[in-house]
Full PDB file with SEQRES, HELIX, SHEET, SSBOND, CRYST1, ORIGX, SCALE, CONECT and MASTER records, all heavy atoms in Angstrom:
SEQRES   1 A   43  PRO PRO GLN LEU ILE ASN ARG ILE GLU ILE VAL ARG GLY          
SEQRES   2 A   43  GLY ARG SER SER LEU TYR GLY ALA ASP ALA VAL GLY GLY          
SEQRES   3 A   43  VAL ILE GLN ALA PHE THR LEU PRO GLN HIS GLU GLY LYS          
SEQRES   4 A   43  SER GLY TRP LEU                                              
HELIX    1 AA1 PRO A    2  LEU A    4  5                                   3    
HELIX    2 AA2 SER A   16  TYR A   19  1                                   4    
SHEET    1 AA1 2 ARG A   7  ARG A  12  0                                        
SHEET    2 AA1 2 GLY A  26  PHE A  31 -1                                        
CRYST1    1.000    1.000    1.000  90.00  90.00  90.00 P 1           1          
ORIGX1      1.000000  0.000000  0.000000        0.00000                         
ORIGX2      0.000000  1.000000  0.000000        0.00000                         
ORIGX3      0.000000  0.000000  1.000000        0.00000                         
SCALE1      1.000000  0.000000  0.000000        0.00000                         
SCALE2      0.000000  1.000000  0.000000        0.00000                         
SCALE3      0.000000  0.000000  1.000000        0.00000                         
ATOM      1  N   PRO A   1     124.283   4.370  -5.415  1.00  0.00           N  
ATOM      2  CA  PRO A   1     123.239   4.814  -6.306  1.00  0.00           C  
ATOM      3  C   PRO A   1     123.428   6.398  -6.643  1.00  0.00           C  
ATOM      4  O   PRO A   1     123.244   7.194  -5.732  1.00  0.00           O  
ATOM      5  CB  PRO A   1     121.938   4.581  -5.375  1.00  0.00           C  
ATOM      6  CG  PRO A   1     122.500   4.695  -3.974  1.00  0.00           C  
ATOM      7  CD  PRO A   1     123.856   4.185  -4.044  1.00  0.00           C  
ATOM      8  N   PRO A   2     123.542   6.597  -7.935  1.00  0.00           N  
ATOM      9  CA  PRO A   2     123.765   8.058  -8.336  1.00  0.00           C  
ATOM     10  C   PRO A   2     122.521   8.828  -8.138  1.00  0.00           C  
ATOM     11  O   PRO A   2     122.601  10.109  -8.077  1.00  0.00           O  
ATOM     12  CB  PRO A   2     124.222   7.922  -9.753  1.00  0.00           C  
ATOM     13  CG  PRO A   2     123.600   6.707 -10.355  1.00  0.00           C  
ATOM     14  CD  PRO A   2     123.604   5.733  -9.141  1.00  0.00           C  
ATOM     15  N   GLN A   3     121.288   8.272  -8.225  1.00  0.00           N  
ATOM     16  CA  GLN A   3     120.118   8.917  -8.006  1.00  0.00           C  
ATOM     17  C   GLN A   3     119.971   9.640  -6.605  1.00  0.00           C  
ATOM     18  O   GLN A   3     119.126  10.575  -6.522  1.00  0.00           O  
ATOM     19  CB  GLN A   3     118.815   7.924  -8.147  1.00  0.00           C  
ATOM     20  CG  GLN A   3     118.840   7.288  -9.558  1.00  0.00           C  
ATOM     21  CD  GLN A   3     119.573   6.032  -9.498  1.00  0.00           C  
ATOM     22  OE1 GLN A   3     120.358   5.692  -8.670  1.00  0.00           O  
ATOM     23  NE2 GLN A   3     119.424   5.196 -10.585  1.00  0.00           N  
ATOM     24  N   LEU A   4     120.716   9.305  -5.674  1.00  0.00           N  
ATOM     25  CA  LEU A   4     120.689   9.830  -4.334  1.00  0.00           C  
ATOM     26  C   LEU A   4     121.862  10.752  -4.047  1.00  0.00           C  
ATOM     27  O   LEU A   4     121.997  11.279  -2.887  1.00  0.00           O  
ATOM     28  CB  LEU A   4     120.601   8.743  -3.333  1.00  0.00           C  
ATOM     29  CG  LEU A   4     119.378   7.803  -3.446  1.00  0.00           C  
ATOM     30  CD1 LEU A   4     119.354   6.743  -2.315  1.00  0.00           C  
ATOM     31  CD2 LEU A   4     118.059   8.672  -3.403  1.00  0.00           C  
ATOM     32  N   ILE A   5     122.591  11.099  -5.034  1.00  0.00           N  
ATOM     33  CA  ILE A   5     123.836  11.888  -4.876  1.00  0.00           C  
ATOM     34  C   ILE A   5     123.526  13.292  -5.529  1.00  0.00           C  
ATOM     35  O   ILE A   5     123.131  13.382  -6.543  1.00  0.00           O  
ATOM     36  CB  ILE A   5     125.063  11.267  -5.658  1.00  0.00           C  
ATOM     37  CG1 ILE A   5     125.334   9.809  -5.041  1.00  0.00           C  
ATOM     38  CG2 ILE A   5     126.299  12.096  -5.502  1.00  0.00           C  
ATOM     39  CD1 ILE A   5     125.629   9.889  -3.482  1.00  0.00           C  
ATOM     40  N   ASN A   6     124.030  14.300  -4.767  1.00  0.00           N  
ATOM     41  CA  ASN A   6     123.848  15.629  -5.192  1.00  0.00           C  
ATOM     42  C   ASN A   6     125.120  16.405  -5.748  1.00  0.00           C  
ATOM     43  O   ASN A   6     124.945  17.458  -6.255  1.00  0.00           O  
ATOM     44  CB  ASN A   6     123.178  16.598  -4.112  1.00  0.00           C  
ATOM     45  CG  ASN A   6     121.645  16.216  -3.898  1.00  0.00           C  
ATOM     46  OD1 ASN A   6     120.849  16.309  -4.799  1.00  0.00           O  
ATOM     47  ND2 ASN A   6     121.292  15.784  -2.635  1.00  0.00           N  
ATOM     48  N   ARG A   7     126.253  15.885  -5.415  1.00  0.00           N  
ATOM     49  CA  ARG A   7     127.503  16.527  -5.759  1.00  0.00           C  
ATOM     50  C   ARG A   7     128.653  15.526  -5.735  1.00  0.00           C  
ATOM     51  O   ARG A   7     128.621  14.593  -4.833  1.00  0.00           O  
ATOM     52  CB  ARG A   7     127.758  17.743  -4.897  1.00  0.00           C  
ATOM     53  CG  ARG A   7     129.021  18.443  -5.169  1.00  0.00           C  
ATOM     54  CD  ARG A   7     129.242  19.546  -4.019  1.00  0.00           C  
ATOM     55  NE  ARG A   7     130.580  20.081  -4.032  1.00  0.00           N  
ATOM     56  CZ  ARG A   7     130.800  21.118  -4.742  1.00  0.00           C  
ATOM     57  NH1 ARG A   7     129.952  21.689  -5.551  1.00  0.00           N  
ATOM     58  NH2 ARG A   7     132.118  21.625  -4.671  1.00  0.00           N  
ATOM     59  N   ILE A   8     129.633  15.469  -6.579  1.00  0.00           N  
ATOM     60  CA  ILE A   8     130.846  14.773  -6.555  1.00  0.00           C  
ATOM     61  C   ILE A   8     132.005  15.584  -6.707  1.00  0.00           C  
ATOM     62  O   ILE A   8     132.115  16.531  -7.616  1.00  0.00           O  
ATOM     63  CB  ILE A   8     130.747  13.703  -7.685  1.00  0.00           C  
ATOM     64  CG1 ILE A   8     129.462  12.798  -7.632  1.00  0.00           C  
ATOM     65  CG2 ILE A   8     132.022  12.864  -7.788  1.00  0.00           C  
ATOM     66  CD1 ILE A   8     129.161  12.039  -8.846  1.00  0.00           C  
ATOM     67  N   GLU A   9     132.993  15.321  -5.847  1.00  0.00           N  
ATOM     68  CA  GLU A   9     134.305  15.907  -6.082  1.00  0.00           C  
ATOM     69  C   GLU A   9     135.426  14.843  -6.415  1.00  0.00           C  
ATOM     70  O   GLU A   9     135.532  13.894  -5.614  1.00  0.00           O  
ATOM     71  CB  GLU A   9     134.728  16.635  -4.702  1.00  0.00           C  
ATOM     72  CG  GLU A   9     133.904  17.847  -4.543  1.00  0.00           C  
ATOM     73  CD  GLU A   9     134.245  18.515  -3.216  1.00  0.00           C  
ATOM     74  OE1 GLU A   9     135.275  18.188  -2.549  1.00  0.00           O  
ATOM     75  OE2 GLU A   9     133.376  19.524  -2.876  1.00  0.00           O  
ATOM     76  N   ILE A  10     136.164  14.923  -7.412  1.00  0.00           N  
ATOM     77  CA  ILE A  10     137.184  14.075  -7.834  1.00  0.00           C  
ATOM     78  C   ILE A  10     138.535  14.836  -7.647  1.00  0.00           C  
ATOM     79  O   ILE A  10     138.826  15.736  -8.431  1.00  0.00           O  
ATOM     80  CB  ILE A  10     137.026  13.664  -9.326  1.00  0.00           C  
ATOM     81  CG1 ILE A  10     135.728  13.030  -9.489  1.00  0.00           C  
ATOM     82  CG2 ILE A  10     138.071  12.539  -9.633  1.00  0.00           C  
ATOM     83  CD1 ILE A  10     135.428  12.718 -10.984  1.00  0.00           C  
ATOM     84  N   VAL A  11     139.342  14.373  -6.617  1.00  0.00           N  
ATOM     85  CA  VAL A  11     140.554  14.949  -6.358  1.00  0.00           C  
ATOM     86  C   VAL A  11     141.580  13.978  -6.768  1.00  0.00           C  
ATOM     87  O   VAL A  11     141.725  12.861  -6.343  1.00  0.00           O  
ATOM     88  CB  VAL A  11     140.730  15.292  -4.798  1.00  0.00           C  
ATOM     89  CG1 VAL A  11     142.084  15.963  -4.569  1.00  0.00           C  
ATOM     90  CG2 VAL A  11     139.611  16.232  -4.348  1.00  0.00           C  
ATOM     91  N   ARG A  12     142.544  14.419  -7.715  1.00  0.00           N  
ATOM     92  CA  ARG A  12     143.468  13.521  -8.323  1.00  0.00           C  
ATOM     93  C   ARG A  12     144.854  13.807  -7.617  1.00  0.00           C  
ATOM     94  O   ARG A  12     145.250  15.034  -7.393  1.00  0.00           O  
ATOM     95  CB  ARG A  12     143.494  13.782  -9.825  1.00  0.00           C  
ATOM     96  CG  ARG A  12     142.203  13.414 -10.441  1.00  0.00           C  
ATOM     97  CD  ARG A  12     142.308  13.607 -11.994  1.00  0.00           C  
ATOM     98  NE  ARG A  12     142.544  15.013 -12.322  1.00  0.00           N  
ATOM     99  CZ  ARG A  12     141.569  15.998 -12.365  1.00  0.00           C  
ATOM    100  NH1 ARG A  12     140.383  15.686 -11.967  1.00  0.00           N  
ATOM    101  NH2 ARG A  12     141.842  17.241 -12.792  1.00  0.00           N  
ATOM    102  N   GLY A  13     145.593  12.735  -7.370  1.00  0.00           N  
ATOM    103  CA  GLY A  13     146.906  12.868  -6.799  1.00  0.00           C  
ATOM    104  C   GLY A  13     146.802  12.329  -5.356  1.00  0.00           C  
ATOM    105  O   GLY A  13     145.913  12.180  -4.749  1.00  0.00           O  
ATOM    106  N   GLY A  14     148.090  11.922  -4.822  1.00  0.00           N  
ATOM    107  CA  GLY A  14     148.157  11.316  -3.593  1.00  0.00           C  
ATOM    108  C   GLY A  14     147.640  12.195  -2.442  1.00  0.00           C  
ATOM    109  O   GLY A  14     147.925  13.353  -2.338  1.00  0.00           O  
ATOM    110  N   ARG A  15     146.822  11.541  -1.438  1.00  0.00           N  
ATOM    111  CA  ARG A  15     146.324  12.285  -0.300  1.00  0.00           C  
ATOM    112  C   ARG A  15     146.434  11.504   0.973  1.00  0.00           C  
ATOM    113  O   ARG A  15     145.688  11.669   1.901  1.00  0.00           O  
ATOM    114  CB  ARG A  15     144.799  12.542  -0.554  1.00  0.00           C  
ATOM    115  CG  ARG A  15     144.637  13.751  -1.469  1.00  0.00           C  
ATOM    116  CD  ARG A  15     145.159  15.109  -0.995  1.00  0.00           C  
ATOM    117  NE  ARG A  15     144.849  16.112  -1.837  1.00  0.00           N  
ATOM    118  CZ  ARG A  15     145.533  16.491  -2.856  1.00  0.00           C  
ATOM    119  NH1 ARG A  15     146.681  15.812  -3.183  1.00  0.00           N  
ATOM    120  NH2 ARG A  15     145.347  17.580  -3.450  1.00  0.00           N  
ATOM    121  N   SER A  16     147.467  10.546   1.014  1.00  0.00           N  
ATOM    122  CA  SER A  16     147.621   9.722   2.170  1.00  0.00           C  
ATOM    123  C   SER A  16     147.981  10.584   3.466  1.00  0.00           C  
ATOM    124  O   SER A  16     147.710  10.173   4.633  1.00  0.00           O  
ATOM    125  CB  SER A  16     148.679   8.678   2.028  1.00  0.00           C  
ATOM    126  OG  SER A  16     148.199   7.618   1.156  1.00  0.00           O  
ATOM    127  N   SER A  17     148.581  11.718   3.213  1.00  0.00           N  
ATOM    128  CA  SER A  17     149.004  12.502   4.303  1.00  0.00           C  
ATOM    129  C   SER A  17     147.857  13.081   5.050  1.00  0.00           C  
ATOM    130  O   SER A  17     148.009  13.703   6.057  1.00  0.00           O  
ATOM    131  CB  SER A  17     149.995  13.639   3.893  1.00  0.00           C  
ATOM    132  OG  SER A  17     149.373  14.477   2.900  1.00  0.00           O  
ATOM    133  N   LEU A  18     146.638  13.044   4.389  1.00  0.00           N  
ATOM    134  CA  LEU A  18     145.395  13.523   4.863  1.00  0.00           C  
ATOM    135  C   LEU A  18     144.462  12.460   5.333  1.00  0.00           C  
ATOM    136  O   LEU A  18     143.822  12.381   6.225  1.00  0.00           O  
ATOM    137  CB  LEU A  18     144.623  14.546   4.072  1.00  0.00           C  
ATOM    138  CG  LEU A  18     145.397  15.872   3.876  1.00  0.00           C  
ATOM    139  CD1 LEU A  18     144.527  16.795   2.815  1.00  0.00           C  
ATOM    140  CD2 LEU A  18     145.763  16.644   5.103  1.00  0.00           C  
ATOM    141  N   TYR A  19     144.316  11.365   4.401  1.00  0.00           N  
ATOM    142  CA  TYR A  19     143.389  10.281   4.504  1.00  0.00           C  
ATOM    143  C   TYR A  19     143.916   8.994   4.823  1.00  0.00           C  
ATOM    144  O   TYR A  19     143.237   7.937   4.934  1.00  0.00           O  
ATOM    145  CB  TYR A  19     142.574  10.259   3.219  1.00  0.00           C  
ATOM    146  CG  TYR A  19     141.659  11.532   2.939  1.00  0.00           C  
ATOM    147  CD1 TYR A  19     142.106  12.464   2.083  1.00  0.00           C  
ATOM    148  CD2 TYR A  19     140.538  11.595   3.594  1.00  0.00           C  
ATOM    149  CE1 TYR A  19     141.329  13.574   1.937  1.00  0.00           C  
ATOM    150  CE2 TYR A  19     139.685  12.770   3.460  1.00  0.00           C  
ATOM    151  CZ  TYR A  19     140.167  13.810   2.615  1.00  0.00           C  
ATOM    152  OH  TYR A  19     139.316  14.854   2.360  1.00  0.00           O  
ATOM    153  N   GLY A  20     145.257   8.881   4.821  1.00  0.00           N  
ATOM    154  CA  GLY A  20     145.875   7.589   5.185  1.00  0.00           C  
ATOM    155  C   GLY A  20     145.902   6.571   3.971  1.00  0.00           C  
ATOM    156  O   GLY A  20     146.078   6.970   2.915  1.00  0.00           O  
ATOM    157  N   ALA A  21     145.813   5.321   4.335  1.00  0.00           N  
ATOM    158  CA  ALA A  21     145.974   4.246   3.392  1.00  0.00           C  
ATOM    159  C   ALA A  21     145.072   4.302   2.174  1.00  0.00           C  
ATOM    160  O   ALA A  21     143.847   4.824   2.364  1.00  0.00           O  
ATOM    161  CB  ALA A  21     145.694   2.879   4.054  1.00  0.00           C  
ATOM    162  N   ASP A  22     145.572   4.034   1.050  1.00  0.00           N  
ATOM    163  CA  ASP A  22     144.712   3.883  -0.196  1.00  0.00           C  
ATOM    164  C   ASP A  22     144.620   5.151  -0.875  1.00  0.00           C  
ATOM    165  O   ASP A  22     144.147   5.090  -2.088  1.00  0.00           O  
ATOM    166  CB  ASP A  22     143.517   3.054  -0.007  1.00  0.00           C  
ATOM    167  CG  ASP A  22     143.651   1.818   0.784  1.00  0.00           C  
ATOM    168  OD1 ASP A  22     144.741   1.244   0.773  1.00  0.00           O  
ATOM    169  OD2 ASP A  22     142.718   1.290   1.465  1.00  0.00           O  
ATOM    170  N   ALA A  23     144.878   6.340  -0.481  1.00  0.00           N  
ATOM    171  CA  ALA A  23     144.569   7.600  -1.041  1.00  0.00           C  
ATOM    172  C   ALA A  23     145.875   7.860  -1.974  1.00  0.00           C  
ATOM    173  O   ALA A  23     146.510   8.936  -1.682  1.00  0.00           O  
ATOM    174  CB  ALA A  23     144.398   8.736  -0.140  1.00  0.00           C  
ATOM    175  N   VAL A  24     146.209   6.968  -2.915  1.00  0.00           N  
ATOM    176  CA  VAL A  24     147.339   7.067  -3.712  1.00  0.00           C  
ATOM    177  C   VAL A  24     146.981   7.795  -5.039  1.00  0.00           C  
ATOM    178  O   VAL A  24     147.700   8.715  -5.420  1.00  0.00           O  
ATOM    179  CB  VAL A  24     147.918   5.700  -3.959  1.00  0.00           C  
ATOM    180  CG1 VAL A  24     149.271   5.733  -4.738  1.00  0.00           C  
ATOM    181  CG2 VAL A  24     148.213   4.965  -2.614  1.00  0.00           C  
ATOM    182  N   GLY A  25     146.018   7.246  -5.798  1.00  0.00           N  
ATOM    183  CA  GLY A  25     145.552   7.871  -6.990  1.00  0.00           C  
ATOM    184  C   GLY A  25     144.784   9.132  -6.802  1.00  0.00           C  
ATOM    185  O   GLY A  25     144.965  10.027  -7.568  1.00  0.00           O  
ATOM    186  N   GLY A  26     143.940   8.995  -5.794  1.00  0.00           N  
ATOM    187  CA  GLY A  26     143.138  10.293  -5.435  1.00  0.00           C  
ATOM    188  C   GLY A  26     141.981   9.899  -4.545  1.00  0.00           C  
ATOM    189  O   GLY A  26     141.966   8.787  -3.916  1.00  0.00           O  
ATOM    190  N   VAL A  27     141.098  10.875  -4.380  1.00  0.00           N  
ATOM    191  CA  VAL A  27     139.951  10.755  -3.511  1.00  0.00           C  
ATOM    192  C   VAL A  27     138.658  11.160  -4.247  1.00  0.00           C  
ATOM    193  O   VAL A  27     138.707  12.185  -4.846  1.00  0.00           O  
ATOM    194  CB  VAL A  27     140.158  11.514  -2.142  1.00  0.00           C  
ATOM    195  CG1 VAL A  27     138.789  11.324  -1.350  1.00  0.00           C  
ATOM    196  CG2 VAL A  27     141.309  11.025  -1.451  1.00  0.00           C  
ATOM    197  N   ILE A  28     137.656  10.297  -4.275  1.00  0.00           N  
ATOM    198  CA  ILE A  28     136.394  10.738  -4.880  1.00  0.00           C  
ATOM    199  C   ILE A  28     135.365  10.737  -3.751  1.00  0.00           C  
ATOM    200  O   ILE A  28     135.164   9.735  -2.990  1.00  0.00           O  
ATOM    201  CB  ILE A  28     135.942   9.728  -5.950  1.00  0.00           C  
ATOM    202  CG1 ILE A  28     136.916   9.656  -7.060  1.00  0.00           C  
ATOM    203  CG2 ILE A  28     134.518  10.045  -6.428  1.00  0.00           C  
ATOM    204  CD1 ILE A  28     136.648   8.731  -8.245  1.00  0.00           C  
ATOM    205  N   GLN A  29     134.743  12.005  -3.602  1.00  0.00           N  
ATOM    206  CA  GLN A  29     133.739  12.057  -2.563  1.00  0.00           C  
ATOM    207  C   GLN A  29     132.322  12.409  -3.135  1.00  0.00           C  
ATOM    208  O   GLN A  29     132.136  13.304  -3.988  1.00  0.00           O  
ATOM    209  CB  GLN A  29     134.148  13.164  -1.561  1.00  0.00           C  
ATOM    210  CG  GLN A  29     133.083  13.443  -0.389  1.00  0.00           C  
ATOM    211  CD  GLN A  29     133.666  14.013   0.867  1.00  0.00           C  
ATOM    212  OE1 GLN A  29     132.996  13.807   1.951  1.00  0.00           O  
ATOM    213  NE2 GLN A  29     134.741  14.725   0.683  1.00  0.00           N  
ATOM    214  N   ALA A  30     131.258  11.652  -2.701  1.00  0.00           N  
ATOM    215  CA  ALA A  30     129.874  11.915  -2.965  1.00  0.00           C  
ATOM    216  C   ALA A  30     129.164  12.532  -1.857  1.00  0.00           C  
ATOM    217  O   ALA A  30     129.362  11.978  -0.720  1.00  0.00           O  
ATOM    218  CB  ALA A  30     129.278  10.572  -3.481  1.00  0.00           C  
ATOM    219  N   PHE A  31     128.307  13.444  -2.153  1.00  0.00           N  
ATOM    220  CA  PHE A  31     127.578  14.184  -1.073  1.00  0.00           C  
ATOM    221  C   PHE A  31     126.113  13.930  -1.267  1.00  0.00           C  
ATOM    222  O   PHE A  31     125.511  14.008  -2.443  1.00  0.00           O  
ATOM    223  CB  PHE A  31     127.952  15.671  -1.216  1.00  0.00           C  
ATOM    224  CG  PHE A  31     129.234  16.055  -0.880  1.00  0.00           C  
ATOM    225  CD1 PHE A  31     130.291  16.128  -1.980  1.00  0.00           C  
ATOM    226  CD2 PHE A  31     129.800  16.280   0.326  1.00  0.00           C  
ATOM    227  CE1 PHE A  31     131.552  16.382  -1.716  1.00  0.00           C  
ATOM    228  CE2 PHE A  31     131.031  16.715   0.597  1.00  0.00           C  
ATOM    229  CZ  PHE A  31     131.913  16.645  -0.443  1.00  0.00           C  
ATOM    230  N   THR A  32     125.377  13.812  -0.167  1.00  0.00           N  
ATOM    231  CA  THR A  32     123.901  13.545  -0.296  1.00  0.00           C  
ATOM    232  C   THR A  32     123.160  14.745   0.110  1.00  0.00           C  
ATOM    233  O   THR A  32     121.923  14.777  -0.196  1.00  0.00           O  
ATOM    234  CB  THR A  32     123.488  12.305   0.508  1.00  0.00           C  
ATOM    235  OG1 THR A  32     123.869  12.678   1.959  1.00  0.00           O  
ATOM    236  CG2 THR A  32     124.231  11.026   0.253  1.00  0.00           C  
ATOM    237  N   LEU A  33     123.644  15.730   0.751  1.00  0.00           N  
ATOM    238  CA  LEU A  33     122.944  16.898   1.285  1.00  0.00           C  
ATOM    239  C   LEU A  33     122.642  17.779   0.109  1.00  0.00           C  
ATOM    240  O   LEU A  33     123.332  17.931  -0.888  1.00  0.00           O  
ATOM    241  CB  LEU A  33     123.712  17.636   2.237  1.00  0.00           C  
ATOM    242  CG  LEU A  33     123.661  17.258   3.662  1.00  0.00           C  
ATOM    243  CD1 LEU A  33     124.624  18.009   4.630  1.00  0.00           C  
ATOM    244  CD2 LEU A  33     122.232  17.436   4.264  1.00  0.00           C  
ATOM    245  N   PRO A  34     121.437  18.500   0.062  1.00  0.00           N  
ATOM    246  CA  PRO A  34     121.042  19.411  -0.954  1.00  0.00           C  
ATOM    247  C   PRO A  34     122.057  20.566  -1.086  1.00  0.00           C  
ATOM    248  O   PRO A  34     122.548  20.921  -0.005  1.00  0.00           O  
ATOM    249  CB  PRO A  34     119.692  19.848  -0.643  1.00  0.00           C  
ATOM    250  CG  PRO A  34     119.523  19.702   0.860  1.00  0.00           C  
ATOM    251  CD  PRO A  34     120.300  18.495   1.202  1.00  0.00           C  
ATOM    252  N   GLN A  35     122.141  21.115  -2.236  1.00  0.00           N  
ATOM    253  CA  GLN A  35     123.128  22.125  -2.443  1.00  0.00           C  
ATOM    254  C   GLN A  35     122.466  23.590  -2.704  1.00  0.00           C  
ATOM    255  O   GLN A  35     123.121  24.511  -2.929  1.00  0.00           O  
ATOM    256  CB  GLN A  35     124.006  21.968  -3.733  1.00  0.00           C  
ATOM    257  CG  GLN A  35     124.727  20.630  -3.570  1.00  0.00           C  
ATOM    258  CD  GLN A  35     125.702  20.525  -2.477  1.00  0.00           C  
ATOM    259  OE1 GLN A  35     126.430  21.400  -2.315  1.00  0.00           O  
ATOM    260  NE2 GLN A  35     125.677  19.512  -1.690  1.00  0.00           N  
ATOM    261  N   HIS A  36     121.159  23.587  -2.374  1.00  0.00           N  
ATOM    262  CA  HIS A  36     120.317  24.863  -2.581  1.00  0.00           C  
ATOM    263  C   HIS A  36     119.484  24.991  -1.318  1.00  0.00           C  
ATOM    264  O   HIS A  36     119.132  24.104  -0.810  1.00  0.00           O  
ATOM    265  CB  HIS A  36     119.593  24.808  -3.827  1.00  0.00           C  
ATOM    266  CG  HIS A  36     118.744  23.658  -4.028  1.00  0.00           C  
ATOM    267  ND1 HIS A  36     117.444  23.581  -3.394  1.00  0.00           N  
ATOM    268  CD2 HIS A  36     118.891  22.400  -4.648  1.00  0.00           C  
ATOM    269  CE1 HIS A  36     116.866  22.363  -3.626  1.00  0.00           C  
ATOM    270  NE2 HIS A  36     117.661  21.673  -4.389  1.00  0.00           N  
ATOM    271  N   GLU A  37     119.039  26.357  -1.224  1.00  0.00           N  
ATOM    272  CA  GLU A  37     118.148  26.575   0.088  1.00  0.00           C  
ATOM    273  C   GLU A  37     116.710  26.435  -0.367  1.00  0.00           C  
ATOM    274  O   GLU A  37     116.317  26.592  -1.577  1.00  0.00           O  
ATOM    275  CB  GLU A  37     118.450  28.056   0.551  1.00  0.00           C  
ATOM    276  CG  GLU A  37     119.855  28.193   1.189  1.00  0.00           C  
ATOM    277  CD  GLU A  37     119.958  29.411   1.980  1.00  0.00           C  
ATOM    278  OE1 GLU A  37     118.981  30.228   1.913  1.00  0.00           O  
ATOM    279  OE2 GLU A  37     120.968  29.684   2.585  1.00  0.00           O  
ATOM    280  N   GLY A  38     115.916  26.204   0.553  1.00  0.00           N  
ATOM    281  CA  GLY A  38     114.511  26.024   0.358  1.00  0.00           C  
ATOM    282  C   GLY A  38     113.969  24.737   0.828  1.00  0.00           C  
ATOM    283  O   GLY A  38     114.562  23.850   1.288  1.00  0.00           O  
ATOM    284  N   LYS A  39     112.588  24.472   0.579  1.00  0.00           N  
ATOM    285  CA  LYS A  39     111.902  23.259   1.001  1.00  0.00           C  
ATOM    286  C   LYS A  39     111.243  22.684  -0.237  1.00  0.00           C  
ATOM    287  O   LYS A  39     110.550  23.472  -0.963  1.00  0.00           O  
ATOM    288  CB  LYS A  39     110.858  23.606   2.070  1.00  0.00           C  
ATOM    289  CG  LYS A  39     111.285  24.342   3.378  1.00  0.00           C  
ATOM    290  CD  LYS A  39     110.115  24.623   4.279  1.00  0.00           C  
ATOM    291  CE  LYS A  39     110.593  25.307   5.548  1.00  0.00           C  
ATOM    292  NZ  LYS A  39     109.412  25.643   6.439  1.00  0.00           N  
ATOM    293  N   SER A  40     111.467  21.452  -0.424  1.00  0.00           N  
ATOM    294  CA  SER A  40     111.004  20.823  -1.648  1.00  0.00           C  
ATOM    295  C   SER A  40     110.782  19.386  -1.436  1.00  0.00           C  
ATOM    296  O   SER A  40     111.466  18.793  -0.513  1.00  0.00           O  
ATOM    297  CB  SER A  40     111.924  21.138  -2.922  1.00  0.00           C  
ATOM    298  OG  SER A  40     113.167  20.528  -2.658  1.00  0.00           O  
ATOM    299  N   GLY A  41     109.892  18.812  -2.329  1.00  0.00           N  
ATOM    300  CA  GLY A  41     109.803  17.356  -2.359  1.00  0.00           C  
ATOM    301  C   GLY A  41     109.767  16.867  -3.826  1.00  0.00           C  
ATOM    302  O   GLY A  41     109.602  17.738  -4.689  1.00  0.00           O  
ATOM    303  N   TRP A  42     109.931  15.646  -4.070  1.00  0.00           N  
ATOM    304  CA  TRP A  42     109.907  15.144  -5.467  1.00  0.00           C  
ATOM    305  C   TRP A  42     109.453  13.696  -5.473  1.00  0.00           C  
ATOM    306  O   TRP A  42     109.716  12.953  -4.622  1.00  0.00           O  
ATOM    307  CB  TRP A  42     111.322  15.398  -6.054  1.00  0.00           C  
ATOM    308  CG  TRP A  42     112.470  14.771  -5.327  1.00  0.00           C  
ATOM    309  CD1 TRP A  42     113.123  15.416  -4.364  1.00  0.00           C  
ATOM    310  CD2 TRP A  42     113.100  13.519  -5.456  1.00  0.00           C  
ATOM    311  NE1 TRP A  42     114.086  14.558  -3.849  1.00  0.00           N  
ATOM    312  CE2 TRP A  42     114.177  13.389  -4.469  1.00  0.00           C  
ATOM    313  CE3 TRP A  42     112.818  12.435  -6.311  1.00  0.00           C  
ATOM    314  CZ2 TRP A  42     114.942  12.234  -4.344  1.00  0.00           C  
ATOM    315  CZ3 TRP A  42     113.633  11.322  -6.171  1.00  0.00           C  
ATOM    316  CH2 TRP A  42     114.685  11.175  -5.187  1.00  0.00           C  
ATOM    317  N   LEU A  43     108.934  13.352  -6.673  1.00  0.00           N  
ATOM    318  CA  LEU A  43     108.487  12.121  -7.030  1.00  0.00           C  
ATOM    319  C   LEU A  43     109.010  11.773  -8.508  1.00  0.00           C  
ATOM    320  O   LEU A  43     108.978  12.741  -9.282  1.00  0.00           O  
ATOM    321  CB  LEU A  43     106.908  11.908  -6.921  1.00  0.00           C  
ATOM    322  CG  LEU A  43     106.246  12.101  -5.592  1.00  0.00           C  
ATOM    323  CD1 LEU A  43     104.739  12.193  -5.879  1.00  0.00           C  
ATOM    324  CD2 LEU A  43     106.645  11.064  -4.605  1.00  0.00           C  
TER     325      LEU A  43                                                      
MASTER        0    0    0    2    2    0    0    6  324    1    0    4          
END                                                                             
């Protein structure tokens, strides 16, 4: 669900030497933690 994602990193190129199997084309990582300081809520 993209609505719960705060940041995405798309790394292109082989990364099996760090992540093992299947990291041939690249690695895509989604982050859920907030990227800014403060206290907030939302609806």
